[in-house]
Each structure stands twice: as C-alpha cells, then as structure tokens.
C-alpha cells in the first residue's frame, strides 16, 4: 500500500538534522503528528540540546503565539517524550520567527461519473459483507463505489 511519508523523509533528513542536534530525524519529519496540526502550523523544531540528563527543545514560534505555546509547554513536552519513549526533553526554549504555513490540502473536485449498475453495487456489497471488521468493510465499500464511478 505504501509507507508514510515521514518514514521516507527520515533518512533524507538524518544528516541535516544531526547538525542541529537531532539524533533522530523522525522528530522533524513527524512534527505535525507529534504536536498536532494546529501547533505544527505555528511552531517548528529548531534544535534539540541534550546536556547531561536534561534536554531542551528549541522551537521557532510564529509571531503572536509564544504566550500560547508557553501555556501548552507541559502538553508539548509530554507529546515529545511519549514520541521518544523516554523523558528526553525537560524544557522548551522559544524563539519567535517565521514558520512556514502548513501545506493546504488540495481537495480534488468530485467527479460524478455515471452511476454504477445495480449488479455491480450488489456484487460489491456481497464482497464487503464477507469482511469481519465492520469498519474496514465500510471503508472498502466506499472505495469500491469510488472505483466503480
């Protein structure tokens, strides 16, 4: 089916990330899923300083958002440490600066083709009924309807 784009980007980001203190480039590649879409749109990891038992994650924060990010510091630390599986980061250091806006998802225009024949819809429903997982069956049925169009 493919693999997540973050896992494909991690090897490419490894060398530049190491220069900025990130031993694990996955933090950069998966920042959106770690911080959440709203925070990822307003923040960007700049550097991870690890000295002794403490770690400081330096974030670039969009102008006007530093106070909000300060209030969310415990949540951000919890999410980052959960990502690493250990308490790696104990504090944040914020610097205001430009943060690239998250790429807007380009929704494809709906293409309404001819309606699928009732026979094909019945065959699709029977094939999906054989799937034990109801959620997966519903997803497959939606996919099948889209393909049939």
N, C-alpha and C. Protein backbone atom coordinates (compact mmCIF):
# COMPACT_ATOMS: atom_id res chain seq x y z
N UNK A 1 0.83 -1.20 0.00
CA UNK A 1 0.00 0.00 0.00
C UNK A 1 0.87 1.25 0.00
N UNK A 2 2.10 1.13 0.44
CA UNK A 2 2.97 2.30 0.54
C UNK A 2 3.39 2.49 1.98
N UNK A 3 4.17 3.51 2.20
CA UNK A 3 4.60 3.77 3.56
C UNK A 3 4.42 5.25 3.86
N UNK A 4 4.31 5.60 5.13
CA UNK A 4 4.11 7.00 5.49
C UNK A 4 5.25 7.87 4.97
N UNK A 5 4.92 9.06 4.55
CA UNK A 5 5.92 9.96 4.01
C UNK A 5 6.98 10.31 5.04
N UNK A 6 6.60 10.37 6.32
CA UNK A 6 7.57 10.69 7.37
C UNK A 6 8.68 9.65 7.44
N UNK A 7 8.33 8.38 7.25
CA UNK A 7 9.37 7.34 7.29
C UNK A 7 10.27 7.41 6.08
N UNK A 8 9.77 7.92 4.96
CA UNK A 8 10.61 8.09 3.78
C UNK A 8 11.52 9.31 3.92
N UNK A 9 11.04 10.33 4.62
CA UNK A 9 11.84 11.55 4.79
C UNK A 9 12.92 11.42 5.85
N UNK A 10 12.71 10.59 6.85
CA UNK A 10 13.66 10.49 7.96
C UNK A 10 15.09 10.21 7.51
N UNK A 11 15.34 9.25 6.60
CA UNK A 11 16.72 9.04 6.18
C UNK A 11 17.32 10.23 5.44
N UNK A 12 16.49 10.96 4.70
CA UNK A 12 16.98 12.12 3.97
C UNK A 12 17.31 13.28 4.90
N UNK A 13 16.60 13.35 6.01
CA UNK A 13 16.82 14.44 6.96
C UNK A 13 17.90 14.13 8.00
N UNK A 14 18.41 12.91 8.02
CA UNK A 14 19.32 12.49 9.09
C UNK A 14 20.55 13.39 9.20
N UNK A 15 21.24 13.65 8.10
CA UNK A 15 22.48 14.44 8.17
C UNK A 15 22.21 15.89 8.56
N UNK A 16 21.27 16.60 7.88
CA UNK A 16 20.99 17.97 8.30
C UNK A 16 20.45 18.04 9.73
N UNK A 17 19.71 17.03 10.13
CA UNK A 17 19.14 17.03 11.48
C UNK A 17 20.25 16.85 12.52
N UNK A 18 21.23 16.02 12.22
CA UNK A 18 22.32 15.80 13.18
C UNK A 18 23.10 17.09 13.43
N UNK A 19 23.23 17.92 12.42
CA UNK A 19 23.92 19.20 12.58
C UNK A 19 23.18 20.12 13.55
N UNK A 20 21.86 19.93 13.65
CA UNK A 20 21.05 20.78 14.52
C UNK A 20 20.73 20.10 15.85
N UNK A 21 21.43 19.03 16.16
CA UNK A 21 21.25 18.39 17.46
C UNK A 21 20.20 17.30 17.48
N UNK A 22 19.61 16.99 16.37
CA UNK A 22 18.59 15.95 16.32
C UNK A 22 19.25 14.63 15.93
N UNK A 23 19.44 13.77 16.91
CA UNK A 23 19.99 12.46 16.59
C UNK A 23 18.97 11.64 15.81
N UNK A 24 17.72 11.89 16.10
CA UNK A 24 16.65 11.15 15.45
C UNK A 24 15.86 12.12 14.57
N UNK A 25 16.04 12.03 13.26
CA UNK A 25 15.39 12.96 12.34
C UNK A 25 13.88 12.77 12.29
N UNK A 26 13.39 11.71 12.88
CA UNK A 26 11.94 11.49 12.86
C UNK A 26 11.19 12.61 13.55
N UNK A 27 11.81 13.25 14.55
CA UNK A 27 11.14 14.36 15.24
C UNK A 27 10.81 15.47 14.25
N UNK A 28 11.72 15.76 13.36
CA UNK A 28 11.46 16.78 12.33
C UNK A 28 10.42 16.31 11.34
N UNK A 29 10.58 15.08 10.88
CA UNK A 29 9.69 14.56 9.85
C UNK A 29 8.26 14.38 10.35
N UNK A 30 8.12 14.05 11.63
CA UNK A 30 6.79 13.75 12.17
C UNK A 30 6.28 14.82 13.12
N UNK A 31 6.82 16.03 13.04
CA UNK A 31 6.43 17.08 13.96
C UNK A 31 4.93 17.34 13.93
N UNK A 32 4.35 17.29 12.76
CA UNK A 32 2.91 17.55 12.65
C UNK A 32 2.09 16.53 13.44
N UNK A 33 2.47 15.26 13.38
CA UNK A 33 1.71 14.26 14.12
C UNK A 33 2.03 14.29 15.61
N UNK A 34 3.23 14.75 15.98
CA UNK A 34 3.60 14.83 17.39
C UNK A 34 2.89 16.01 18.05
N UNK A 35 3.02 17.18 17.47
CA UNK A 35 2.49 18.40 18.08
C UNK A 35 1.01 18.59 17.79
N UNK A 36 0.51 17.99 16.75
CA UNK A 36 -0.86 18.23 16.32
C UNK A 36 -0.86 19.28 15.23
N UNK A 37 -1.88 19.27 14.37
CA UNK A 37 -1.88 20.14 13.20
C UNK A 37 -1.84 21.64 13.53
N UNK A 38 -2.56 22.06 14.57
CA UNK A 38 -2.59 23.49 14.87
C UNK A 38 -1.24 23.98 15.39
N UNK A 39 -0.66 23.24 16.33
CA UNK A 39 0.65 23.64 16.86
C UNK A 39 1.74 23.51 15.79
N UNK A 40 1.67 22.50 14.97
CA UNK A 40 2.67 22.31 13.92
C UNK A 40 2.62 23.45 12.91
N UNK A 41 1.46 24.03 12.74
CA UNK A 41 1.34 25.17 11.83
C UNK A 41 1.90 26.45 12.42
N UNK A 42 2.10 26.47 13.74
CA UNK A 42 2.57 27.68 14.43
C UNK A 42 3.98 27.53 15.01
N UNK A 43 4.50 26.30 15.01
CA UNK A 43 5.82 26.05 15.59
C UNK A 43 6.64 25.17 14.66
N UNK A 44 7.96 25.20 14.89
CA UNK A 44 8.86 24.34 14.13
C UNK A 44 10.06 24.04 15.01
N UNK A 45 10.44 22.76 15.15
CA UNK A 45 11.62 22.45 15.95
C UNK A 45 12.87 23.02 15.28
N UNK A 46 13.69 23.67 16.08
CA UNK A 46 14.91 24.26 15.54
C UNK A 46 16.14 23.46 15.95
N UNK A 47 16.17 23.05 17.20
CA UNK A 47 17.35 22.36 17.72
C UNK A 47 16.97 21.58 18.97
N UNK A 48 17.66 20.48 19.20
CA UNK A 48 17.48 19.70 20.41
C UNK A 48 18.81 19.65 21.11
N UNK A 49 18.91 20.36 22.24
CA UNK A 49 20.14 20.39 23.03
C UNK A 49 20.02 19.37 24.15
N UNK A 50 20.97 18.44 24.20
CA UNK A 50 20.97 17.43 25.27
C UNK A 50 22.27 17.58 26.04
N UNK A 51 22.15 17.97 27.26
CA UNK A 51 23.30 18.10 28.15
C UNK A 51 22.99 17.34 29.43
N UNK A 52 23.76 16.31 29.70
CA UNK A 52 23.52 15.52 30.91
C UNK A 52 22.17 14.83 30.84
N UNK A 53 21.40 14.99 31.90
CA UNK A 53 20.09 14.34 31.97
C UNK A 53 18.97 15.23 31.47
N UNK A 54 19.29 16.45 31.08
CA UNK A 54 18.23 17.36 30.65
C UNK A 54 18.32 17.60 29.15
N UNK A 55 17.21 17.88 28.57
CA UNK A 55 17.16 18.20 27.16
C UNK A 55 16.29 19.42 26.95
N UNK A 56 16.73 20.29 26.06
CA UNK A 56 15.97 21.49 25.74
C UNK A 56 15.62 21.45 24.26
N UNK A 57 14.35 21.52 23.99
CA UNK A 57 13.88 21.58 22.61
C UNK A 57 13.67 23.04 22.26
N UNK A 58 14.41 23.52 21.29
CA UNK A 58 14.28 24.91 20.84
C UNK A 58 13.29 24.94 19.70
N UNK A 59 12.26 25.75 19.89
CA UNK A 59 11.20 25.87 18.89
C UNK A 59 11.17 27.28 18.31
N UNK A 60 10.94 27.34 17.02
CA UNK A 60 10.63 28.63 16.40
C UNK A 60 9.11 28.74 16.43
N UNK A 61 8.63 29.87 16.93
CA UNK A 61 7.20 30.06 17.12
C UNK A 61 6.75 31.25 16.27
N UNK A 62 5.62 31.11 15.63
CA UNK A 62 5.06 32.19 14.82
C UNK A 62 4.79 33.40 15.70
N UNK A 63 5.01 34.61 15.17
CA UNK A 63 4.76 35.82 15.95
C UNK A 63 3.35 35.83 16.54
N UNK A 64 3.28 36.19 17.81
CA UNK A 64 1.99 36.27 18.49
C UNK A 64 1.57 34.98 19.16
N UNK A 65 2.32 33.91 19.00
CA UNK A 65 1.93 32.61 19.55
C UNK A 65 2.81 32.15 20.70
N UNK A 66 3.83 32.91 21.07
CA UNK A 66 4.76 32.48 22.11
C UNK A 66 4.05 32.26 23.44
N UNK A 67 3.16 33.16 23.82
CA UNK A 67 2.45 33.01 25.10
C UNK A 67 1.60 31.75 25.10
N UNK A 68 0.92 31.51 24.02
CA UNK A 68 0.08 30.31 23.92
C UNK A 68 0.94 29.05 24.02
N UNK A 69 2.07 29.04 23.34
CA UNK A 69 2.96 27.88 23.37
C UNK A 69 3.54 27.70 24.77
N UNK A 70 3.83 28.79 25.48
CA UNK A 70 4.31 28.68 26.86
C UNK A 70 3.27 27.98 27.74
N UNK A 71 2.01 28.33 27.54
CA UNK A 71 0.95 27.69 28.33
C UNK A 71 0.80 26.21 27.97
N UNK A 72 1.12 25.87 26.75
CA UNK A 72 1.00 24.49 26.30
C UNK A 72 2.28 23.68 26.50
N UNK A 73 3.28 24.27 27.13
CA UNK A 73 4.58 23.59 27.29
C UNK A 73 4.46 22.21 27.91
N UNK A 74 3.71 22.03 29.02
CA UNK A 74 3.61 20.67 29.58
C UNK A 74 3.05 19.65 28.59
N UNK A 75 2.07 20.06 27.81
CA UNK A 75 1.47 19.16 26.82
C UNK A 75 2.48 18.82 25.72
N UNK A 76 3.21 19.83 25.24
CA UNK A 76 4.20 19.61 24.19
C UNK A 76 5.30 18.68 24.69
N UNK A 77 5.79 18.93 25.91
CA UNK A 77 6.83 18.07 26.49
C UNK A 77 6.34 16.63 26.62
N UNK A 78 5.10 16.48 27.05
CA UNK A 78 4.54 15.14 27.20
C UNK A 78 4.48 14.42 25.84
N UNK A 79 4.04 15.13 24.82
CA UNK A 79 3.93 14.52 23.49
C UNK A 79 5.29 14.15 22.91
N UNK A 80 6.27 15.03 23.08
CA UNK A 80 7.61 14.76 22.55
C UNK A 80 8.24 13.59 23.30
N UNK A 81 8.11 13.57 24.62
CA UNK A 81 8.69 12.47 25.40
C UNK A 81 7.98 11.15 25.12
N UNK A 82 6.69 11.19 24.87
CA UNK A 82 5.96 9.98 24.50
C UNK A 82 6.46 9.48 23.15
N UNK A 83 6.77 10.40 22.26
CA UNK A 83 7.30 10.03 20.94
C UNK A 83 8.64 9.30 21.09
N UNK A 84 9.52 9.82 21.95
CA UNK A 84 10.83 9.20 22.16
C UNK A 84 10.75 7.96 23.04
N UNK A 85 9.70 7.83 23.83
CA UNK A 85 9.57 6.69 24.71
C UNK A 85 10.35 6.83 26.00
N UNK A 86 10.86 8.02 26.26
CA UNK A 86 11.61 8.30 27.49
C UNK A 86 11.58 9.81 27.71
N UNK A 87 11.93 10.22 28.92
CA UNK A 87 11.95 11.66 29.19
C UNK A 87 13.25 12.24 28.66
N UNK A 88 13.20 12.70 27.42
CA UNK A 88 14.36 13.25 26.73
C UNK A 88 14.38 14.76 26.84
N UNK A 89 13.21 15.37 26.78
CA UNK A 89 13.10 16.83 26.78
C UNK A 89 12.45 17.26 28.09
N UNK A 90 13.12 18.21 28.79
CA UNK A 90 12.58 18.68 30.06
C UNK A 90 12.10 20.13 30.00
N UNK A 91 12.50 20.85 28.94
CA UNK A 91 12.04 22.23 28.82
C UNK A 91 12.06 22.66 27.36
N UNK A 92 11.33 23.73 27.10
CA UNK A 92 11.30 24.34 25.77
C UNK A 92 11.99 25.70 25.83
N UNK A 93 12.63 26.05 24.75
CA UNK A 93 13.17 27.39 24.57
C UNK A 93 12.53 27.92 23.29
N UNK A 94 11.88 29.07 23.41
CA UNK A 94 11.12 29.60 22.28
C UNK A 94 11.84 30.79 21.65
N UNK A 95 11.72 30.85 20.33
CA UNK A 95 12.25 31.98 19.58
C UNK A 95 11.21 32.33 18.53
N UNK A 96 10.80 33.59 18.51
CA UNK A 96 9.81 33.98 17.52
C UNK A 96 10.47 34.14 16.16
N UNK A 97 9.77 33.71 15.17
CA UNK A 97 10.28 33.81 13.81
C UNK A 97 9.26 33.29 12.84
N UNK A 98 9.55 33.41 11.56
CA UNK A 98 8.59 32.94 10.56
C UNK A 98 8.51 31.41 10.56
N UNK A 99 7.32 30.93 10.50
CA UNK A 99 7.08 29.49 10.42
C UNK A 99 6.29 29.26 9.14
N UNK A 100 6.80 28.39 8.31
CA UNK A 100 6.11 28.11 7.04
C UNK A 100 4.72 27.57 7.34
N UNK A 101 3.76 28.09 6.64
CA UNK A 101 2.38 27.64 6.82
C UNK A 101 2.27 26.20 6.35
N UNK A 102 1.48 25.39 7.06
CA UNK A 102 1.31 24.01 6.62
C UNK A 102 0.67 23.98 5.25
N UNK A 103 1.10 23.02 4.47
CA UNK A 103 0.56 22.90 3.11
C UNK A 103 -0.93 22.66 3.17
N UNK A 104 -1.66 23.50 2.49
CA UNK A 104 -3.11 23.34 2.46
C UNK A 104 -3.44 22.11 1.64
N UNK A 105 -4.32 21.33 2.19
CA UNK A 105 -4.69 20.12 1.46
C UNK A 105 -5.52 20.51 0.25
N UNK A 106 -5.07 20.06 -0.86
CA UNK A 106 -5.78 20.36 -2.10
C UNK A 106 -6.84 19.30 -2.30
N UNK A 107 -8.06 19.70 -2.16
CA UNK A 107 -9.12 18.73 -2.35
C UNK A 107 -9.42 18.62 -3.84
N UNK A 108 -9.54 17.41 -4.25
CA UNK A 108 -9.83 17.17 -5.66
C UNK A 108 -11.30 17.44 -5.92
N UNK A 109 -11.60 18.02 -7.05
CA UNK A 109 -13.02 18.20 -7.36
C UNK A 109 -13.67 16.84 -7.56
N UNK A 110 -14.88 16.73 -7.07
CA UNK A 110 -15.59 15.46 -7.21
C UNK A 110 -15.94 15.25 -8.67
N UNK A 111 -15.67 14.06 -9.10
CA UNK A 111 -16.01 13.69 -10.47
C UNK A 111 -17.21 12.77 -10.41
N UNK A 112 -18.31 13.29 -10.79
CA UNK A 112 -19.51 12.47 -10.79
C UNK A 112 -19.64 11.80 -12.15
N UNK A 113 -19.28 10.55 -12.16
CA UNK A 113 -19.40 9.78 -13.39
C UNK A 113 -20.77 9.14 -13.44
N UNK A 114 -20.96 8.28 -14.40
CA UNK A 114 -22.24 7.58 -14.47
C UNK A 114 -22.41 6.68 -13.25
N UNK A 115 -23.63 6.56 -12.82
CA UNK A 115 -23.92 5.73 -11.64
C UNK A 115 -23.60 4.28 -11.96
N UNK A 116 -22.98 3.58 -11.00
CA UNK A 116 -22.68 2.17 -11.23
C UNK A 116 -23.96 1.34 -11.35
N UNK A 117 -23.87 0.26 -12.08
CA UNK A 117 -25.06 -0.57 -12.28
C UNK A 117 -25.44 -1.26 -10.96
N UNK A 118 -26.72 -1.57 -10.80
CA UNK A 118 -27.17 -2.24 -9.57
C UNK A 118 -26.48 -3.59 -9.36
N UNK A 119 -26.15 -4.29 -10.46
CA UNK A 119 -25.48 -5.59 -10.33
C UNK A 119 -24.10 -5.42 -9.71
N UNK A 120 -23.38 -4.39 -10.16
CA UNK A 120 -22.04 -4.15 -9.63
C UNK A 120 -22.10 -3.74 -8.16
N UNK A 121 -23.10 -2.91 -7.81
CA UNK A 121 -23.25 -2.50 -6.42
C UNK A 121 -23.59 -3.69 -5.52
N UNK A 122 -24.41 -4.61 -6.03
CA UNK A 122 -24.77 -5.80 -5.27
C UNK A 122 -23.54 -6.69 -5.06
N UNK A 123 -22.74 -6.85 -6.11
CA UNK A 123 -21.52 -7.66 -6.00
C UNK A 123 -20.54 -7.02 -5.01
N UNK A 124 -20.45 -5.71 -5.04
CA UNK A 124 -19.58 -5.00 -4.11
C UNK A 124 -20.07 -5.21 -2.67
N UNK A 125 -21.35 -5.07 -2.44
CA UNK A 125 -21.91 -5.24 -1.10
C UNK A 125 -21.68 -6.66 -0.58
N UNK A 126 -21.81 -7.66 -1.46
CA UNK A 126 -21.58 -9.05 -1.05
C UNK A 126 -20.11 -9.28 -0.70
N UNK A 127 -19.21 -8.70 -1.49
CA UNK A 127 -17.78 -8.86 -1.22
C UNK A 127 -17.40 -8.20 0.11
N UNK A 128 -17.98 -7.04 0.37
CA UNK A 128 -17.66 -6.33 1.62
C UNK A 128 -18.31 -6.99 2.82
N UNK A 129 -19.42 -7.67 2.62
CA UNK A 129 -20.10 -8.36 3.73
C UNK A 129 -19.26 -9.51 4.27
N UNK A 130 -18.36 -10.04 3.43
CA UNK A 130 -17.52 -11.15 3.85
C UNK A 130 -16.40 -10.70 4.80
N UNK A 131 -16.17 -9.38 4.88
CA UNK A 131 -15.12 -8.86 5.75
C UNK A 131 -15.66 -8.79 7.17
N UNK A 132 -14.92 -9.38 8.12
CA UNK A 132 -15.39 -9.45 9.50
C UNK A 132 -15.38 -8.09 10.19
N UNK A 133 -14.37 -7.29 9.97
CA UNK A 133 -14.24 -5.97 10.61
C UNK A 133 -15.21 -5.00 9.93
N UNK A 134 -16.20 -4.55 10.66
CA UNK A 134 -17.25 -3.69 10.08
C UNK A 134 -16.70 -2.35 9.58
N UNK A 135 -15.76 -1.78 10.34
CA UNK A 135 -15.18 -0.50 9.94
C UNK A 135 -14.40 -0.66 8.63
N UNK A 136 -13.62 -1.72 8.53
CA UNK A 136 -12.87 -1.99 7.31
C UNK A 136 -13.82 -2.26 6.16
N UNK A 137 -14.91 -2.97 6.42
CA UNK A 137 -15.89 -3.26 5.38
C UNK A 137 -16.50 -1.97 4.83
N UNK A 138 -16.80 -1.03 5.73
CA UNK A 138 -17.38 0.25 5.29
C UNK A 138 -16.38 1.04 4.44
N UNK A 139 -15.12 1.02 4.85
CA UNK A 139 -14.08 1.72 4.10
C UNK A 139 -13.93 1.10 2.71
N UNK A 140 -13.90 -0.23 2.67
CA UNK A 140 -13.75 -0.92 1.38
C UNK A 140 -14.95 -0.66 0.47
N UNK A 141 -16.11 -0.58 1.07
CA UNK A 141 -17.30 -0.31 0.26
C UNK A 141 -17.25 1.10 -0.34
N UNK A 142 -16.84 2.08 0.46
CA UNK A 142 -16.70 3.44 -0.08
C UNK A 142 -15.67 3.48 -1.19
N UNK A 143 -14.56 2.77 -0.98
CA UNK A 143 -13.52 2.73 -2.01
C UNK A 143 -14.06 2.05 -3.27
N UNK A 144 -14.77 0.97 -3.09
CA UNK A 144 -15.34 0.26 -4.23
C UNK A 144 -16.31 1.13 -5.02
N UNK A 145 -17.14 1.89 -4.32
CA UNK A 145 -18.09 2.79 -5.01
C UNK A 145 -17.34 3.85 -5.81
N UNK A 146 -16.26 4.35 -5.24
CA UNK A 146 -15.46 5.36 -5.93
C UNK A 146 -14.84 4.77 -7.19
N UNK A 147 -14.30 3.57 -7.07
CA UNK A 147 -13.68 2.91 -8.22
C UNK A 147 -14.72 2.62 -9.30
N UNK A 148 -15.89 2.21 -8.89
CA UNK A 148 -16.92 1.90 -9.86
C UNK A 148 -17.38 3.13 -10.65
N UNK A 149 -17.29 4.30 -10.04
CA UNK A 149 -17.67 5.52 -10.75
C UNK A 149 -16.63 5.82 -11.81
